[in-house]
Amino acid sequence: MSAQESGRPLRSVEPEVSVNTENTSHTSGYWALLTEDALASPLTQQYIAQYTTRNGLHAFKLMLDRGQIYLPFIKQEVMKRGLPMDLAYLPIIESSFTITTKSRSGAAGLWQFMMNSIAPYDMKVSETVDERYDFIKSTIGALRKLENEYKRLGNWEMTLAAYNMGLGAVTRIIQKTENSDYWELSSQNELKRETTNYVPKLTAVIYILSQPRKFGINSWRDKFEWEAISLPRQVSIDLLADETGISRELLRRLNAELLFGITPLDSNYKLKVPASHIEQVQAVLERKELRLIRYHYHVVYNGDTLWSISRRYGTTIAMIEQHNPGIHGRYLKIGETIIIPAFGDAPPPPARPVTIPQNYPGTHIVQKGDTFWSLGRQYGVDPQELAESNGMKMDQILHEGRTIKVPIIE
């Protein structure tokens, strides 16, 4: 809906920057969207008016503040590829520079990647790591995607439309209409509503950022520097933050791909830390006696499974298996202790009563029809405890003639 259609006055704005209407060359550092057609669009005018109100500029500044730890890297990658600088600010439209954003449709991270679109861009997702939230990998992936689609479509407006609604959908519209002009297709309602608004929103953002002084925006913030370092061991980023004086929030935002805040057992993984604290981080990592992961110690009780334990502690089966070598694929023993990484500052769950298997002194010769359930009743013991004491599972068949250990009945 345009501003005129909604009854709101249309604010007239004139760009202070010169507009090159033929600015479609593949050179770095230019604003590709500041064309006469783009700025003449009622939707673009509407969004410029919306974003330059007092509340709009306040929200705008907050988004730029969130983005300042990512923007230097994003701009560097844009320039390196010779792409228009407009693309560096696309996360404002996609995620408001909130790196942990996840849409209702499942798109995640600064660049809002869907699971089905990450395979070509070296991003992986597991129970503990989601690289759609990795600002390095997602930025490189998004720019590669945009660059490839630009080569197919030939103009940035339709490339951005494809980023929003999918290359296949845009290609079909172009084939059907024999037209690849975004503004004409928008005016003819050939694009879905979200996509019709998508480029005007980004154009409004670029218009404001092309003349930040006019709107009281400080676009010359101090450059944030960080380094990616290899780790000699797993660490909890919260504990590392506490030991080094780094803000927990900052370290989490730099490493948002760590879903549980614990680095993986992967020699290729690199943790991103502020360059200002690199010496403190290295000093802490060298202190071998310093434990950088907290653990809960869980004593297995009757009925426990890896799944139930993982749910109880808010972790994953893979994480439990990773910290308890040899536990995978075998039956949990009542009374054994397993370690579980503790996330954040949450206290361990309350302990439950545990029955420790006994070394029974008596023997029983298995008869036809015997089960651990029937023998448990006969000897007055828990059937699972009886099975465990004989190194067996509750559902194992007892073969006639086998000798098993049982309590001596007085």
Protein backbone atom coordinates (compact mmCIF):
# COMPACT_ATOMS: atom_id res chain seq x y z
CA MET A 1 0.00 0.00 0.00
CA SER A 2 1.41 3.41 -0.89
CA ALA A 3 1.47 6.38 1.48
CA GLN A 4 -1.22 8.08 -0.59
CA GLU A 5 -3.47 5.01 -0.44
CA SER A 6 -3.09 4.76 3.34
CA GLY A 7 -4.12 8.40 3.84
CA ARG A 8 -0.73 9.48 5.21
CA PRO A 9 0.91 12.55 3.65
CA LEU A 10 3.67 11.69 1.20
CA ARG A 11 6.92 13.29 2.28
CA SER A 12 8.89 14.64 -0.68
CA VAL A 13 12.61 13.98 -0.45
CA GLU A 14 15.42 14.89 -2.79
CA PRO A 15 18.75 13.08 -2.63
CA GLU A 16 21.78 15.15 -1.72
CA VAL A 17 23.96 12.73 -3.65
CA SER A 18 24.21 12.69 -7.41
CA VAL A 19 22.26 9.83 -8.92
CA ASN A 20 23.74 7.88 -11.78
CA THR A 21 20.82 6.33 -13.65
CA GLU A 22 23.17 4.03 -15.53
CA ASN A 23 24.91 2.79 -12.42
CA THR A 24 24.74 -0.91 -13.22
CA SER A 25 28.43 -1.58 -13.76
CA HIS A 26 30.08 -4.25 -11.65
CA THR A 27 32.44 -1.91 -9.76
CA SER A 28 32.95 -1.54 -6.04
CA GLY A 29 31.93 1.25 -3.71
CA TYR A 30 28.87 2.64 -5.51
CA TRP A 31 25.21 2.73 -4.53
CA ALA A 32 23.43 0.60 -7.13
CA LEU A 33 19.87 1.34 -5.98
CA LEU A 34 19.89 5.14 -6.03
CA THR A 35 18.36 5.43 -9.47
CA GLU A 36 15.68 7.86 -10.62
CA ASP A 37 13.12 5.06 -10.92
CA ALA A 38 13.87 3.83 -7.41
CA LEU A 39 13.67 7.26 -5.80
CA ALA A 40 10.51 8.16 -7.72
CA SER A 41 8.68 5.10 -6.40
CA PRO A 42 5.90 6.00 -3.93
CA LEU A 43 6.89 2.99 -1.84
CA THR A 44 10.49 4.19 -1.60
CA GLN A 45 9.25 7.65 -0.57
CA GLN A 46 6.97 6.05 2.01
CA TYR A 47 9.81 4.10 3.61
CA ILE A 48 12.16 7.10 3.58
CA ALA A 49 9.50 9.09 5.42
CA GLN A 50 8.92 6.21 7.87
CA TYR A 51 12.60 5.63 8.59
CA THR A 52 13.40 9.33 9.11
CA THR A 53 10.82 10.05 11.83
CA ARG A 54 12.22 10.42 15.35
CA ASN A 55 11.26 6.83 16.24
CA GLY A 56 12.40 5.56 12.87
CA LEU A 57 15.87 7.12 13.18
CA HIS A 58 16.17 5.84 16.76
CA ALA A 59 15.46 2.28 15.57
CA PHE A 60 17.82 2.82 12.66
CA LYS A 61 20.67 3.81 14.98
CA LEU A 62 20.04 0.79 17.20
CA MET A 63 20.28 -1.51 14.19
CA LEU A 64 23.57 0.09 13.13
CA ASP A 65 24.90 -0.26 16.69
CA ARG A 66 24.11 -3.98 16.61
CA GLY A 67 25.75 -4.27 13.22
CA GLN A 68 28.98 -2.45 14.01
CA ILE A 69 30.82 -5.64 15.01
CA TYR A 70 29.87 -7.26 11.68
CA LEU A 71 29.88 -4.35 9.21
CA PRO A 72 33.66 -3.93 8.80
CA PHE A 73 33.96 -7.57 7.71
CA ILE A 74 30.86 -7.39 5.49
CA LYS A 75 32.07 -4.20 3.77
CA GLN A 76 35.50 -5.72 3.26
CA GLU A 77 33.96 -8.76 1.55
CA VAL A 78 31.69 -6.55 -0.60
CA MET A 79 34.63 -4.45 -1.75
CA LYS A 80 36.82 -7.49 -2.37
CA ARG A 81 34.20 -8.90 -4.75
CA GLY A 82 33.58 -5.59 -6.53
CA LEU A 83 29.93 -5.53 -5.48
CA PRO A 84 27.77 -2.45 -4.77
CA MET A 85 27.92 -1.21 -1.19
CA ASP A 86 24.10 -1.48 -0.94
CA LEU A 87 24.54 -5.19 -0.22
CA ALA A 88 26.47 -4.53 3.00
CA TYR A 89 23.26 -3.14 4.51
CA LEU A 90 20.92 -5.87 3.31
CA PRO A 91 20.97 -7.44 6.85
CA ILE A 92 19.08 -4.34 8.05
CA ILE A 93 16.13 -5.53 5.96
CA GLU A 94 16.69 -9.23 6.60
CA SER A 95 17.43 -9.35 10.33
CA SER A 96 17.85 -5.81 11.71
CA PHE A 97 21.44 -6.96 12.40
CA THR A 98 20.12 -9.25 15.16
CA ILE A 99 22.25 -12.30 14.49
CA THR A 100 20.10 -14.76 16.48
CA THR A 101 16.95 -13.94 14.49
CA LYS A 102 14.95 -16.90 13.20
CA SER A 103 11.81 -16.36 11.14
CA ARG A 104 8.58 -18.33 11.39
CA SER A 105 9.54 -20.05 8.14
CA GLY A 106 12.87 -21.18 9.63
CA ALA A 107 15.24 -18.65 7.99
CA ALA A 108 18.12 -17.88 10.36
CA GLY A 109 20.94 -15.44 11.01
CA LEU A 110 21.97 -12.05 9.66
CA TRP A 111 21.25 -13.07 6.08
CA GLN A 112 18.21 -15.30 6.82
CA PHE A 113 19.33 -18.53 5.18
CA MET A 114 16.86 -21.38 4.93
CA MET A 115 18.10 -24.91 5.63
CA ASN A 116 17.48 -25.97 2.03
CA SER A 117 19.70 -23.22 0.61
CA ILE A 118 22.97 -23.63 2.54
CA ALA A 119 24.53 -26.65 0.83
CA PRO A 120 26.42 -24.73 -1.91
CA TYR A 121 27.84 -22.21 0.57
CA ASP A 122 29.92 -24.27 3.01
CA MET A 123 27.49 -23.95 5.91
CA LYS A 124 26.63 -26.90 8.13
CA VAL A 125 24.00 -27.47 10.80
CA SER A 126 24.18 -30.03 13.62
CA GLU A 127 22.58 -30.45 17.04
CA THR A 128 25.19 -28.14 18.58
CA VAL A 129 26.36 -25.80 15.77
CA ASP A 130 24.30 -23.86 13.21
CA GLU A 131 26.60 -22.03 10.82
CA ARG A 132 23.76 -19.91 9.45
CA TYR A 133 24.46 -17.84 12.58
CA ASP A 134 28.20 -17.65 11.80
CA PHE A 135 28.60 -14.10 10.49
CA ILE A 136 31.72 -15.02 8.50
CA LYS A 137 30.33 -18.06 6.69
CA SER A 138 26.86 -16.61 6.21
CA THR A 139 28.22 -13.33 4.81
CA ILE A 140 30.48 -15.10 2.34
CA GLY A 141 27.61 -17.42 1.37
CA ALA A 142 25.11 -14.58 0.91
CA LEU A 143 27.47 -12.50 -1.24
CA ARG A 144 28.32 -15.52 -3.40
CA LYS A 145 24.61 -16.21 -3.83
CA LEU A 146 23.87 -12.59 -4.76
CA GLU A 147 26.81 -12.42 -7.15
CA ASN A 148 25.78 -15.64 -8.91
CA GLU A 149 22.17 -14.49 -9.25
CA TYR A 150 23.27 -11.09 -10.58
CA LYS A 151 25.17 -12.87 -13.34
CA ARG A 152 21.95 -14.72 -14.24
CA LEU A 153 19.57 -11.75 -14.03
CA GLY A 154 21.69 -8.76 -15.09
CA ASN A 155 20.37 -6.10 -12.69
CA TRP A 156 20.48 -5.63 -8.96
CA GLU A 157 16.78 -4.97 -8.41
CA MET A 158 15.78 -8.35 -9.81
CA THR A 159 18.73 -9.98 -8.04
CA LEU A 160 17.41 -8.69 -4.73
CA ALA A 161 13.90 -9.83 -5.68
CA ALA A 162 15.34 -13.30 -6.28
CA TYR A 163 17.08 -13.24 -2.90
CA ASN A 164 13.70 -12.53 -1.32
CA MET A 165 11.38 -14.86 -3.24
CA GLY A 166 13.74 -17.34 -4.89
CA LEU A 167 15.60 -17.42 -8.19
CA GLY A 168 13.22 -19.98 -9.70
CA ALA A 169 10.13 -17.87 -8.99
CA VAL A 170 11.71 -14.71 -10.41
CA THR A 171 12.95 -16.53 -13.51
CA ARG A 172 9.45 -17.86 -14.19
CA ILE A 173 7.97 -14.35 -13.92
CA ILE A 174 10.56 -12.98 -16.36
CA GLN A 175 9.83 -15.79 -18.81
CA LYS A 176 6.07 -15.29 -18.51
CA THR A 177 6.11 -11.50 -18.91
CA GLU A 178 9.23 -11.21 -21.09
CA ASN A 179 10.15 -8.34 -18.79
CA SER A 180 13.01 -8.04 -16.29
CA ASP A 181 12.34 -4.50 -15.04
CA TYR A 182 11.66 -4.73 -11.31
CA TRP A 183 9.73 -1.46 -11.09
CA GLU A 184 7.44 -2.30 -14.00
CA LEU A 185 6.80 -5.80 -12.68
CA SER A 186 6.02 -4.34 -9.22
CA SER A 187 3.56 -1.82 -10.66
CA GLN A 188 1.85 -4.64 -12.59
CA ASN A 189 1.51 -6.73 -9.39
CA GLU A 190 3.56 -9.55 -10.90
CA LEU A 191 5.68 -9.87 -7.75
CA LYS A 192 4.39 -10.98 -4.37
CA ARG A 193 3.67 -8.17 -1.94
CA GLU A 194 6.70 -8.80 0.27
CA THR A 195 9.01 -8.64 -2.75
CA THR A 196 7.29 -5.50 -4.06
CA ASN A 197 8.19 -3.81 -0.76
CA TYR A 198 11.66 -5.39 -0.45
CA VAL A 199 13.70 -3.24 -2.85
CA PRO A 200 11.98 0.05 -1.85
CA LYS A 201 12.84 -0.71 1.80
CA LEU A 202 16.50 -1.27 0.98
CA THR A 203 16.54 1.76 -1.33
CA ALA A 204 15.24 3.91 1.54
CA VAL A 205 17.97 2.55 3.81
CA ILE A 206 20.64 3.31 1.21
CA TYR A 207 19.25 6.79 0.60
CA ILE A 208 19.64 7.59 4.31
CA LEU A 209 23.10 6.03 4.58
CA SER A 210 24.30 7.88 1.50
CA GLN A 211 23.91 11.15 3.45
CA PRO A 212 24.14 10.19 7.15
CA ARG A 213 25.00 13.69 8.45
CA LYS A 214 21.66 15.00 7.24
CA PHE A 215 19.89 12.52 9.50
CA GLY A 216 22.23 12.73 12.50
CA ILE A 217 23.71 9.27 12.00
CA ASN A 218 27.30 8.60 12.96
CA SER A 219 28.52 6.23 10.28
CA TRP A 220 32.17 6.69 11.26
CA ARG A 221 32.21 4.53 14.35
CA ASP A 222 35.45 3.12 15.66
CA LYS A 223 36.36 0.01 13.73
CA PHE A 224 35.77 -3.18 15.70
CA GLU A 225 38.60 -5.68 15.34
CA TRP A 226 38.50 -9.38 16.12
CA GLU A 227 40.58 -12.46 15.49
CA ALA A 228 39.66 -16.08 14.85
CA ILE A 229 41.82 -18.46 16.89
CA SER A 230 42.25 -22.22 17.05
CA LEU A 231 41.56 -23.86 20.40
CA PRO A 232 43.58 -26.57 22.15
CA ARG A 233 40.46 -27.81 23.97
CA GLN A 234 36.74 -27.32 24.30
CA VAL A 235 35.58 -24.26 26.17
CA SER A 236 32.37 -22.71 27.40
CA ILE A 237 32.35 -19.20 25.98
CA ASP A 238 30.63 -17.90 29.14
CA LEU A 239 33.45 -19.24 31.33
CA LEU A 240 36.04 -17.90 28.90
CA ALA A 241 34.35 -14.49 29.05
CA ASP A 242 34.39 -14.54 32.86
CA GLU A 243 38.09 -15.45 32.99
CA THR A 244 39.19 -12.87 30.40
CA GLY A 245 36.91 -9.93 31.15
CA ILE A 246 35.23 -10.06 27.74
CA SER A 247 31.53 -9.26 27.74
CA ARG A 248 29.51 -12.49 27.65
CA GLU A 249 27.04 -10.88 25.26
CA LEU A 250 29.82 -9.79 22.89
CA LEU A 251 31.45 -13.21 22.83
CA ARG A 252 28.08 -14.86 22.19
CA ARG A 253 27.31 -12.46 19.33
CA LEU A 254 30.69 -13.13 17.75
CA ASN A 255 30.10 -16.89 17.98
CA ALA A 256 26.32 -17.17 17.64
CA GLU A 257 26.68 -20.44 15.72
CA LEU A 258 27.43 -22.23 19.03
CA LEU A 259 23.88 -23.19 19.98
CA PHE A 260 24.85 -24.30 23.51
CA GLY A 261 27.74 -21.88 24.02
CA ILE A 262 30.33 -24.68 23.95
CA THR A 263 32.92 -25.04 21.21
CA PRO A 264 32.88 -28.32 19.25
CA LEU A 265 35.52 -31.05 19.30
CA ASP A 266 36.65 -30.00 15.85
CA SER A 267 40.25 -29.03 15.18
CA ASN A 268 39.10 -26.85 12.27
CA TYR A 269 36.80 -24.72 14.41
CA LYS A 270 38.03 -21.22 15.20
CA LEU A 271 36.65 -19.04 17.98
CA LYS A 272 36.21 -15.35 17.22
CA VAL A 273 37.44 -13.07 20.02
CA PRO A 274 37.97 -9.29 20.29
CA ALA A 275 41.49 -8.36 19.20
CA SER A 276 41.77 -6.19 22.33
CA HIS A 277 41.61 -9.33 24.51
CA ILE A 278 43.66 -11.77 22.47
CA GLU A 279 46.53 -11.91 25.00
CA GLN A 280 44.15 -12.58 27.90
CA VAL A 281 42.42 -15.35 25.94
CA GLN A 282 45.69 -17.05 25.04
CA ALA A 283 46.90 -16.82 28.65
CA VAL A 284 43.70 -18.44 29.94
CA LEU A 285 43.85 -21.23 27.35
CA GLU A 286 47.42 -22.02 28.40
CA ARG A 287 46.37 -22.64 32.01
CA LYS A 288 45.79 -26.38 31.75
CA GLU A 289 44.59 -26.65 35.34
CA LEU A 290 41.75 -24.20 34.65
CA ARG A 291 38.50 -25.97 33.82
CA LEU A 292 36.70 -24.07 31.07
CA ILE A 293 33.58 -26.26 30.95
CA ARG A 294 31.26 -26.88 33.89
CA TYR A 295 29.71 -30.31 34.23
CA HIS A 296 26.75 -31.92 35.90
CA TYR A 297 27.44 -35.43 37.24
CA HIS A 298 24.46 -37.67 36.73
CA VAL A 299 24.08 -41.04 38.45
CA VAL A 300 22.02 -43.39 36.28
CA TYR A 301 18.82 -44.62 37.86
CA ASN A 302 16.18 -47.13 36.85
CA GLY A 303 14.49 -46.11 33.60
CA ASP A 304 17.14 -43.65 32.42
CA THR A 305 17.93 -43.42 28.73
CA LEU A 306 20.25 -41.07 26.89
CA TRP A 307 17.19 -39.36 25.42
CA SER A 308 15.52 -38.78 28.81
CA ILE A 309 18.77 -37.53 30.33
CA SER A 310 19.37 -35.14 27.43
CA ARG A 311 15.86 -33.70 27.83
CA ARG A 312 16.26 -33.34 31.58
CA TYR A 313 19.49 -31.35 31.31
CA GLY A 314 18.56 -29.41 28.18
CA THR A 315 21.37 -30.85 26.09
CA THR A 316 21.69 -33.26 23.16
CA ILE A 317 22.44 -36.97 22.99
CA ALA A 318 25.44 -36.14 20.78
CA MET A 319 26.86 -33.85 23.46
CA ILE A 320 26.49 -36.51 26.17
CA GLU A 321 28.11 -39.13 23.94
CA GLN A 322 30.92 -36.74 23.10
CA HIS A 323 31.84 -36.28 26.77
CA ASN A 324 31.40 -39.94 27.73
CA PRO A 325 33.50 -42.00 25.32
CA GLY A 326 32.17 -45.52 24.87
CA ILE A 327 28.66 -44.75 26.04
CA HIS A 328 27.24 -44.72 22.51
CA GLY A 329 25.19 -47.76 21.58
CA ARG A 330 25.31 -49.56 24.90
CA TYR A 331 22.91 -49.99 27.80
CA LEU A 332 23.21 -47.53 30.68
CA LYS A 333 24.19 -49.17 33.94
CA ILE A 334 22.26 -48.31 37.07
CA GLY A 335 24.56 -46.46 39.47
CA GLU A 336 27.17 -45.39 36.92
CA THR A 337 28.05 -41.70 36.71
CA ILE A 338 28.03 -39.82 33.43
CA ILE A 339 29.14 -36.23 32.86
CA ILE A 340 26.97 -33.66 31.13
CA PRO A 341 28.17 -30.19 30.05
CA ALA A 342 26.37 -27.47 32.00
CA PHE A 343 25.08 -24.56 29.94
CA GLY A 344 25.02 -21.11 31.48
CA ASP A 345 24.54 -20.75 35.21
CA ALA A 346 21.59 -23.10 35.65
CA PRO A 347 21.92 -25.33 38.74
CA PRO A 348 21.87 -29.10 38.24
CA PRO A 349 18.47 -30.78 38.35
CA PRO A 350 17.44 -32.30 41.69
CA ALA A 351 18.89 -35.74 42.35
CA ARG A 352 16.64 -38.79 42.10
CA PRO A 353 16.87 -41.90 44.20
CA VAL A 354 19.13 -44.58 42.72
CA THR A 355 19.28 -48.28 43.40
CA ILE A 356 22.83 -49.61 43.10
CA PRO A 357 23.08 -53.13 41.63
CA GLN A 358 24.02 -55.77 44.17
CA ASN A 359 26.59 -58.56 43.95
CA TYR A 360 24.06 -61.25 44.86
CA PRO A 361 25.52 -64.30 46.61
CA GLY A 362 22.83 -66.83 45.62
CA THR A 363 22.23 -68.68 42.33
CA HIS A 364 19.15 -69.67 40.36
CA ILE A 365 18.90 -72.21 37.54
CA VAL A 366 16.59 -70.77 34.90
CA GLN A 367 13.39 -72.75 34.37
CA LYS A 368 11.03 -72.61 31.41
CA GLY A 369 8.99 -69.39 31.51
CA ASP A 370 11.35 -67.51 33.84
CA THR A 371 11.77 -63.80 33.19
CA PHE A 372 13.47 -61.07 35.17
CA TRP A 373 10.01 -59.81 36.07
CA SER A 374 8.90 -63.15 37.54
CA LEU A 375 12.26 -63.71 39.29
CA GLY A 376 12.18 -60.19 40.70
CA ARG A 377 8.84 -60.95 42.34
CA GLN A 378 10.09 -64.36 43.51
CA TYR A 379 13.22 -62.96 45.17
CA GLY A 380 11.76 -59.62 46.24
CA VAL A 381 14.07 -57.38 44.20
CA ASP A 382 13.71 -54.82 41.41
CA PRO A 383 13.74 -56.78 38.09
CA GLN A 384 15.97 -54.20 36.37
CA GLU A 385 18.42 -54.33 39.28
CA LEU A 386 18.45 -58.14 38.95
CA ALA A 387 19.13 -57.93 35.20
CA GLU A 388 21.86 -55.33 35.71
CA SER A 389 23.53 -57.42 38.41
CA ASN A 390 23.82 -60.24 35.89
CA GLY A 391 25.19 -57.97 33.15
CA MET A 392 22.04 -58.37 31.07
CA LYS A 393 19.19 -56.26 29.69
CA MET A 394 15.65 -56.45 30.98
CA ASP A 395 14.31 -57.69 27.63
CA GLN A 396 16.90 -60.42 27.12
CA ILE A 397 15.58 -64.00 26.95
CA LEU A 398 16.58 -66.27 29.82
CA HIS A 399 17.48 -69.69 28.41
CA GLU A 400 16.63 -72.81 30.38
CA GLY A 401 19.53 -74.16 32.41
CA ARG A 402 21.39 -70.87 32.64
CA THR A 403 22.68 -69.93 36.11
CA ILE A 404 22.05 -66.39 37.27
CA LYS A 405 22.90 -64.56 40.47
CA VAL A 406 20.05 -63.90 42.88
CA PRO A 407 19.63 -62.90 46.56
CA ILE A 408 19.61 -65.66 49.15
CA ILE A 409 16.13 -65.92 50.63
CA GLU A 410 16.27 -66.31 54.43
